[in-house]
Amino acid sequence: MKRQTALVTGASRGVGRGIAMGLAAAGFRVFATGRSIDAADLPDAVVRIRCDHLRDEQTAAAFARVAAEAAGLDVLVNCAWGGYERNGRGRAFYRAAPILRAARSPLDQHDGCGITTCASHVVVPAFSPG
């Protein structure tokens, strides 16, 4: 049986760290990202990838590494925190457009963190069959 692969963003501490530890304990191959991931108290088996998800190029590089080192991605957990500093600005918090068709800038304004943008424009195509 193939060992399942998980990527947990924002895994340096808090909920993301707890999820990464739980998935590792359950036998998943875990990749974990965060701005301070190198100092995170995680099991040695967890692959740490330093990444600021507010920077699309770092997010894309993190997912490219997972794609290169794993046979696929079974679980994606987004706990990256870019803050809600940019939410609002006269715009509705929720955007009803399907994520794969939404423009990059509204997604960035929505959550302030590049993970949403990369999930739709980088991750889905990279890990989708066919």
N, C-alpha and C. Protein backbone atom coordinates (compact mmCIF):
# COMPACT_ATOMS: atom_id res chain seq x y z
N MET A 1 0.83 -1.17 0.00
CA MET A 1 0.00 0.00 0.00
C MET A 1 0.88 1.24 0.00
N LYS A 2 0.49 2.22 -0.82
CA LYS A 2 1.23 3.47 -0.93
C LYS A 2 1.07 4.30 0.35
N ARG A 3 2.20 4.81 0.82
CA ARG A 3 2.16 5.70 1.97
C ARG A 3 1.59 7.04 1.52
N GLN A 4 0.61 7.53 2.23
CA GLN A 4 -0.03 8.79 1.85
C GLN A 4 0.83 9.98 2.23
N THR A 5 0.71 11.02 1.40
CA THR A 5 1.50 12.23 1.58
C THR A 5 0.59 13.38 1.96
N ALA A 6 1.03 14.17 2.93
CA ALA A 6 0.28 15.35 3.36
C ALA A 6 1.19 16.56 3.36
N LEU A 7 0.61 17.70 3.07
CA LEU A 7 1.29 18.98 3.20
C LEU A 7 0.48 19.83 4.15
N VAL A 8 1.14 20.32 5.18
CA VAL A 8 0.48 21.20 6.15
C VAL A 8 1.18 22.55 6.10
N THR A 9 0.44 23.57 5.71
CA THR A 9 1.00 24.92 5.69
C THR A 9 0.80 25.55 7.07
N GLY A 10 1.68 26.47 7.42
CA GLY A 10 1.56 27.12 8.72
C GLY A 10 1.77 26.15 9.86
N ALA A 11 2.73 25.24 9.70
CA ALA A 11 2.93 24.16 10.67
C ALA A 11 3.99 24.46 11.72
N SER A 12 4.44 25.69 11.80
CA SER A 12 5.47 26.04 12.78
C SER A 12 4.97 25.95 14.21
N ARG A 13 3.69 26.23 14.40
CA ARG A 13 3.12 26.22 15.75
C ARG A 13 1.60 26.12 15.66
N GLY A 14 0.97 26.03 16.80
CA GLY A 14 -0.49 26.06 16.87
C GLY A 14 -1.16 24.89 16.19
N VAL A 15 -2.29 25.17 15.58
CA VAL A 15 -3.10 24.14 14.95
C VAL A 15 -2.33 23.41 13.86
N GLY A 16 -1.62 24.15 13.02
CA GLY A 16 -0.84 23.52 11.95
C GLY A 16 0.18 22.53 12.48
N ARG A 17 0.89 22.92 13.52
CA ARG A 17 1.87 22.02 14.14
C ARG A 17 1.19 20.77 14.67
N GLY A 18 0.07 20.94 15.35
CA GLY A 18 -0.65 19.79 15.89
C GLY A 18 -1.13 18.84 14.81
N ILE A 19 -1.62 19.39 13.71
CA ILE A 19 -2.09 18.55 12.60
C ILE A 19 -0.91 17.82 11.97
N ALA A 20 0.20 18.51 11.76
CA ALA A 20 1.39 17.87 11.18
C ALA A 20 1.86 16.72 12.06
N MET A 21 1.88 16.94 13.36
CA MET A 21 2.31 15.88 14.29
C MET A 21 1.34 14.70 14.25
N GLY A 22 0.05 14.99 14.22
CA GLY A 22 -0.95 13.93 14.17
C GLY A 22 -0.87 13.10 12.90
N LEU A 23 -0.69 13.77 11.77
CA LEU A 23 -0.56 13.05 10.50
C LEU A 23 0.70 12.19 10.47
N ALA A 24 1.80 12.73 11.00
CA ALA A 24 3.04 11.95 11.07
C ALA A 24 2.85 10.72 11.95
N ALA A 25 2.19 10.89 13.09
CA ALA A 25 1.94 9.77 13.99
C ALA A 25 1.02 8.72 13.36
N ALA A 26 0.17 9.17 12.44
CA ALA A 26 -0.75 8.25 11.76
C ALA A 26 -0.09 7.55 10.57
N GLY A 27 1.19 7.87 10.30
CA GLY A 27 1.91 7.18 9.24
C GLY A 27 2.02 7.92 7.93
N PHE A 28 1.54 9.14 7.87
CA PHE A 28 1.66 9.93 6.65
C PHE A 28 3.09 10.41 6.47
N ARG A 29 3.48 10.59 5.22
CA ARG A 29 4.70 11.34 4.92
C ARG A 29 4.27 12.79 4.94
N VAL A 30 4.85 13.58 5.83
CA VAL A 30 4.37 14.94 6.04
C VAL A 30 5.42 15.96 5.61
N PHE A 31 4.98 16.89 4.78
CA PHE A 31 5.74 18.08 4.44
C PHE A 31 5.08 19.22 5.20
N ALA A 32 5.88 20.06 5.84
CA ALA A 32 5.34 21.14 6.65
C ALA A 32 6.01 22.45 6.26
N THR A 33 5.20 23.49 6.10
CA THR A 33 5.74 24.80 5.73
C THR A 33 5.46 25.83 6.81
N GLY A 34 6.25 26.88 6.78
CA GLY A 34 6.05 28.01 7.68
C GLY A 34 7.24 28.93 7.61
N ARG A 35 7.02 30.15 8.03
CA ARG A 35 8.11 31.13 8.03
C ARG A 35 9.19 30.76 9.04
N SER A 36 8.78 30.13 10.14
CA SER A 36 9.76 29.75 11.18
C SER A 36 9.79 28.24 11.37
N ILE A 37 9.57 27.50 10.30
CA ILE A 37 9.47 26.04 10.38
C ILE A 37 10.77 25.39 10.84
N ASP A 38 11.90 26.00 10.56
CA ASP A 38 13.18 25.40 10.96
C ASP A 38 13.30 25.24 12.47
N ALA A 39 12.65 26.12 13.23
CA ALA A 39 12.71 26.06 14.69
C ALA A 39 11.51 25.33 15.31
N ALA A 40 10.64 24.80 14.47
CA ALA A 40 9.42 24.15 14.97
C ALA A 40 9.74 22.84 15.69
N ASP A 41 9.00 22.58 16.74
CA ASP A 41 9.13 21.33 17.50
C ASP A 41 8.27 20.27 16.83
N LEU A 42 8.85 19.62 15.83
CA LEU A 42 8.16 18.59 15.05
C LEU A 42 9.00 17.33 15.02
N PRO A 43 8.38 16.18 14.79
CA PRO A 43 9.15 14.94 14.67
C PRO A 43 10.17 15.04 13.54
N ASP A 44 11.27 14.33 13.69
CA ASP A 44 12.33 14.37 12.67
C ASP A 44 11.85 13.92 11.30
N ALA A 45 10.84 13.05 11.27
CA ALA A 45 10.35 12.52 9.99
C ALA A 45 9.62 13.58 9.17
N VAL A 46 9.19 14.65 9.78
CA VAL A 46 8.46 15.69 9.06
C VAL A 46 9.46 16.50 8.23
N VAL A 47 9.18 16.64 6.95
CA VAL A 47 10.03 17.41 6.04
C VAL A 47 9.66 18.88 6.17
N ARG A 48 10.60 19.67 6.60
CA ARG A 48 10.37 21.10 6.81
C ARG A 48 10.75 21.89 5.57
N ILE A 49 9.86 22.79 5.16
CA ILE A 49 10.12 23.67 4.02
C ILE A 49 9.84 25.10 4.47
N ARG A 50 10.91 25.90 4.56
CA ARG A 50 10.72 27.29 4.97
C ARG A 50 9.98 28.01 3.85
N CYS A 51 8.89 28.68 4.21
CA CYS A 51 8.05 29.32 3.20
C CYS A 51 7.20 30.41 3.83
N ASP A 52 7.23 31.57 3.20
CA ASP A 52 6.32 32.65 3.55
C ASP A 52 5.23 32.63 2.49
N HIS A 53 4.04 32.17 2.86
CA HIS A 53 2.97 32.01 1.88
C HIS A 53 2.38 33.32 1.39
N LEU A 54 2.86 34.43 1.92
CA LEU A 54 2.49 35.73 1.36
C LEU A 54 3.26 35.99 0.07
N ARG A 55 4.27 35.17 -0.19
CA ARG A 55 5.10 35.31 -1.39
C ARG A 55 4.82 34.13 -2.32
N ASP A 56 4.15 34.43 -3.42
CA ASP A 56 3.73 33.37 -4.35
C ASP A 56 4.90 32.52 -4.84
N GLU A 57 6.06 33.14 -5.08
CA GLU A 57 7.19 32.37 -5.59
C GLU A 57 7.67 31.35 -4.56
N GLN A 58 7.62 31.69 -3.27
CA GLN A 58 8.00 30.73 -2.23
C GLN A 58 6.95 29.62 -2.12
N THR A 59 5.70 29.99 -2.24
CA THR A 59 4.63 28.99 -2.18
C THR A 59 4.75 28.02 -3.36
N ALA A 60 4.96 28.55 -4.55
CA ALA A 60 5.11 27.70 -5.73
C ALA A 60 6.32 26.78 -5.57
N ALA A 61 7.42 27.29 -5.03
CA ALA A 61 8.61 26.47 -4.83
C ALA A 61 8.35 25.36 -3.81
N ALA A 62 7.61 25.64 -2.77
CA ALA A 62 7.29 24.62 -1.78
C ALA A 62 6.47 23.49 -2.40
N PHE A 63 5.46 23.84 -3.18
CA PHE A 63 4.65 22.81 -3.81
C PHE A 63 5.42 22.07 -4.89
N ALA A 64 6.33 22.75 -5.57
CA ALA A 64 7.18 22.08 -6.56
C ALA A 64 8.08 21.05 -5.88
N ARG A 65 8.57 21.37 -4.70
CA ARG A 65 9.41 20.41 -3.97
C ARG A 65 8.60 19.18 -3.59
N VAL A 66 7.39 19.39 -3.10
CA VAL A 66 6.53 18.24 -2.75
C VAL A 66 6.27 17.40 -4.00
N ALA A 67 5.97 18.05 -5.10
CA ALA A 67 5.71 17.32 -6.35
C ALA A 67 6.92 16.52 -6.79
N ALA A 68 8.12 17.07 -6.59
CA ALA A 68 9.35 16.39 -7.01
C ALA A 68 9.70 15.22 -6.09
N GLU A 69 9.36 15.33 -4.81
CA GLU A 69 9.80 14.32 -3.84
C GLU A 69 8.73 13.30 -3.47
N ALA A 70 7.50 13.55 -3.82
CA ALA A 70 6.42 12.63 -3.44
C ALA A 70 5.70 12.12 -4.69
N ALA A 71 5.05 10.99 -4.52
CA ALA A 71 4.33 10.38 -5.65
C ALA A 71 2.98 11.05 -5.89
N GLY A 72 2.64 12.01 -5.10
CA GLY A 72 1.37 12.72 -5.22
C GLY A 72 1.08 13.43 -3.92
N LEU A 73 -0.02 14.10 -3.86
CA LEU A 73 -0.43 14.79 -2.64
C LEU A 73 -1.83 14.32 -2.29
N ASP A 74 -1.96 13.66 -1.15
CA ASP A 74 -3.24 13.10 -0.73
C ASP A 74 -4.03 14.05 0.16
N VAL A 75 -3.30 14.82 0.98
CA VAL A 75 -3.96 15.71 1.93
C VAL A 75 -3.25 17.07 1.92
N LEU A 76 -4.03 18.14 1.79
CA LEU A 76 -3.52 19.50 1.91
C LEU A 76 -4.28 20.18 3.03
N VAL A 77 -3.54 20.62 4.05
CA VAL A 77 -4.14 21.32 5.19
C VAL A 77 -3.56 22.73 5.21
N ASN A 78 -4.43 23.73 5.09
CA ASN A 78 -3.97 25.11 5.07
C ASN A 78 -4.18 25.76 6.43
N CYS A 79 -3.09 25.95 7.14
CA CYS A 79 -3.11 26.69 8.40
C CYS A 79 -2.22 27.92 8.33
N ALA A 80 -1.75 28.25 7.13
CA ALA A 80 -0.90 29.43 6.96
C ALA A 80 -1.70 30.67 7.34
N TRP A 81 -1.04 31.55 8.04
CA TRP A 81 -1.70 32.77 8.50
C TRP A 81 -1.02 33.97 7.89
N GLY A 82 -1.72 34.64 7.03
CA GLY A 82 -1.20 35.88 6.49
C GLY A 82 -1.91 37.05 7.11
N GLY A 83 -2.84 36.76 7.97
CA GLY A 83 -3.61 37.81 8.63
C GLY A 83 -4.73 38.30 7.75
N TYR A 84 -5.63 38.98 8.36
CA TYR A 84 -6.77 39.54 7.63
C TYR A 84 -6.63 41.04 7.46
N GLU A 85 -5.38 41.52 7.50
CA GLU A 85 -5.15 42.94 7.43
C GLU A 85 -5.74 43.58 6.18
N ARG A 86 -5.73 42.85 5.08
CA ARG A 86 -6.18 43.43 3.81
C ARG A 86 -7.63 43.10 3.50
N ASN A 87 -8.30 42.34 4.33
CA ASN A 87 -9.71 42.05 4.06
C ASN A 87 -10.51 43.33 4.21
N GLY A 88 -11.58 43.37 3.49
CA GLY A 88 -12.41 44.56 3.56
C GLY A 88 -12.05 45.50 2.44
N ARG A 89 -11.55 46.65 2.80
CA ARG A 89 -11.23 47.69 1.81
C ARG A 89 -12.41 47.91 0.87
N GLY A 90 -13.62 47.89 1.44
CA GLY A 90 -14.80 48.12 0.63
C GLY A 90 -15.25 46.92 -0.18
N ARG A 91 -14.62 45.78 0.02
CA ARG A 91 -14.99 44.58 -0.73
C ARG A 91 -15.62 43.56 0.20
N ALA A 92 -16.47 42.74 -0.35
CA ALA A 92 -17.08 41.68 0.45
C ALA A 92 -16.00 40.68 0.87
N PHE A 93 -16.10 40.17 2.08
CA PHE A 93 -15.13 39.20 2.58
C PHE A 93 -15.18 37.92 1.75
N TYR A 94 -16.35 37.46 1.41
CA TYR A 94 -16.51 36.21 0.68
C TYR A 94 -16.72 36.50 -0.79
N ARG A 95 -16.05 35.77 -1.61
CA ARG A 95 -16.22 35.89 -3.06
C ARG A 95 -16.87 34.62 -3.57
N ALA A 96 -17.93 34.76 -4.29
CA ALA A 96 -18.69 33.59 -4.73
C ALA A 96 -18.11 32.92 -5.97
N ALA A 97 -17.15 33.53 -6.64
CA ALA A 97 -16.58 32.94 -7.85
C ALA A 97 -15.88 31.63 -7.53
N PRO A 98 -16.08 30.62 -8.37
CA PRO A 98 -15.34 29.37 -8.16
C PRO A 98 -13.84 29.64 -8.14
N ILE A 99 -13.15 29.01 -7.23
CA ILE A 99 -11.74 29.33 -6.98
C ILE A 99 -10.85 29.13 -8.21
N LEU A 100 -11.15 28.13 -9.04
CA LEU A 100 -10.29 27.89 -10.19
C LEU A 100 -10.48 28.93 -11.29
N ARG A 101 -11.59 29.68 -11.26
CA ARG A 101 -11.81 30.71 -12.27
C ARG A 101 -11.58 32.11 -11.73
N ALA A 102 -11.36 32.23 -10.44
CA ALA A 102 -11.20 33.56 -9.86
C ALA A 102 -9.85 34.16 -10.25
N ALA A 103 -9.83 35.45 -10.38
CA ALA A 103 -8.58 36.14 -10.70
C ALA A 103 -7.64 36.10 -9.51
N ARG A 104 -6.37 36.22 -9.78
CA ARG A 104 -5.38 36.16 -8.70
C ARG A 104 -5.57 37.28 -7.68
N SER A 105 -5.74 38.50 -8.12
CA SER A 105 -5.77 39.61 -7.17
C SER A 105 -6.95 39.54 -6.19
N PRO A 106 -8.17 39.20 -6.60
CA PRO A 106 -9.24 39.09 -5.60
C PRO A 106 -8.94 38.00 -4.57
N LEU A 107 -8.31 36.91 -5.00
CA LEU A 107 -7.97 35.87 -4.05
C LEU A 107 -6.96 36.38 -3.03
N ASP A 108 -5.96 37.12 -3.50
CA ASP A 108 -4.96 37.66 -2.59
C ASP A 108 -5.61 38.65 -1.62
N GLN A 109 -6.52 39.47 -2.10
CA GLN A 109 -7.19 40.43 -1.24
C GLN A 109 -8.11 39.73 -0.25
N HIS A 110 -8.64 38.59 -0.66
CA HIS A 110 -9.59 37.86 0.19
C HIS A 110 -8.96 37.41 1.49
N ASP A 111 -7.82 36.74 1.40
CA ASP A 111 -7.27 36.19 2.65
C ASP A 111 -5.88 36.68 3.00
N GLY A 112 -5.28 37.47 2.16
CA GLY A 112 -3.98 38.04 2.48
C GLY A 112 -2.85 37.03 2.48
N CYS A 113 -3.09 35.84 1.98
CA CYS A 113 -2.05 34.81 2.02
C CYS A 113 -2.01 34.11 0.68
N GLY A 114 -0.82 33.98 0.10
CA GLY A 114 -0.66 33.42 -1.23
C GLY A 114 -1.07 31.97 -1.38
N ILE A 115 -1.36 31.29 -0.31
CA ILE A 115 -1.74 29.88 -0.42
C ILE A 115 -3.00 29.69 -1.24
N THR A 116 -3.96 30.58 -1.13
CA THR A 116 -5.19 30.44 -1.89
C THR A 116 -4.90 30.56 -3.37
N THR A 117 -4.12 31.54 -3.73
CA THR A 117 -3.76 31.73 -5.13
C THR A 117 -3.02 30.51 -5.66
N CYS A 118 -2.04 30.04 -4.92
CA CYS A 118 -1.27 28.90 -5.39
C CYS A 118 -2.11 27.63 -5.40
N ALA A 119 -3.02 27.50 -4.48
CA ALA A 119 -3.86 26.31 -4.47
C ALA A 119 -4.66 26.21 -5.76
N SER A 120 -5.12 27.35 -6.24
CA SER A 120 -5.93 27.30 -7.45
C SER A 120 -5.11 27.31 -8.73
N HIS A 121 -4.02 28.04 -8.74
CA HIS A 121 -3.28 28.24 -9.99
C HIS A 121 -2.03 27.38 -10.12
N VAL A 122 -1.53 26.83 -9.03
CA VAL A 122 -0.32 26.03 -9.07
C VAL A 122 -0.58 24.60 -8.62
N VAL A 123 -1.15 24.45 -7.46
CA VAL A 123 -1.30 23.13 -6.85
C VAL A 123 -2.27 22.25 -7.60
N VAL A 124 -3.46 22.75 -7.86
CA VAL A 124 -4.47 21.91 -8.52
C VAL A 124 -3.96 21.37 -9.85
N PRO A 125 -3.44 22.21 -10.75
CA PRO A 125 -2.92 21.65 -12.00
C PRO A 125 -1.74 20.70 -11.79
N ALA A 126 -0.88 20.98 -10.83
CA ALA A 126 0.31 20.16 -10.63
C ALA A 126 -0.01 18.76 -10.13
N PHE A 127 -1.07 18.65 -9.34
CA PHE A 127 -1.37 17.37 -8.73
C PHE A 127 -2.63 16.71 -9.29
N SER A 128 -3.25 17.30 -10.30
CA SER A 128 -4.44 16.71 -10.89
C SER A 128 -4.07 15.68 -11.94
N PRO A 129 -4.77 14.55 -11.95
CA PRO A 129 -4.48 13.56 -13.00
C PRO A 129 -4.85 14.09 -14.38
N GLY A 130 -4.05 13.73 -15.35
CA GLY A 130 -4.36 14.07 -16.73
C GLY A 130 -4.08 15.46 -17.02
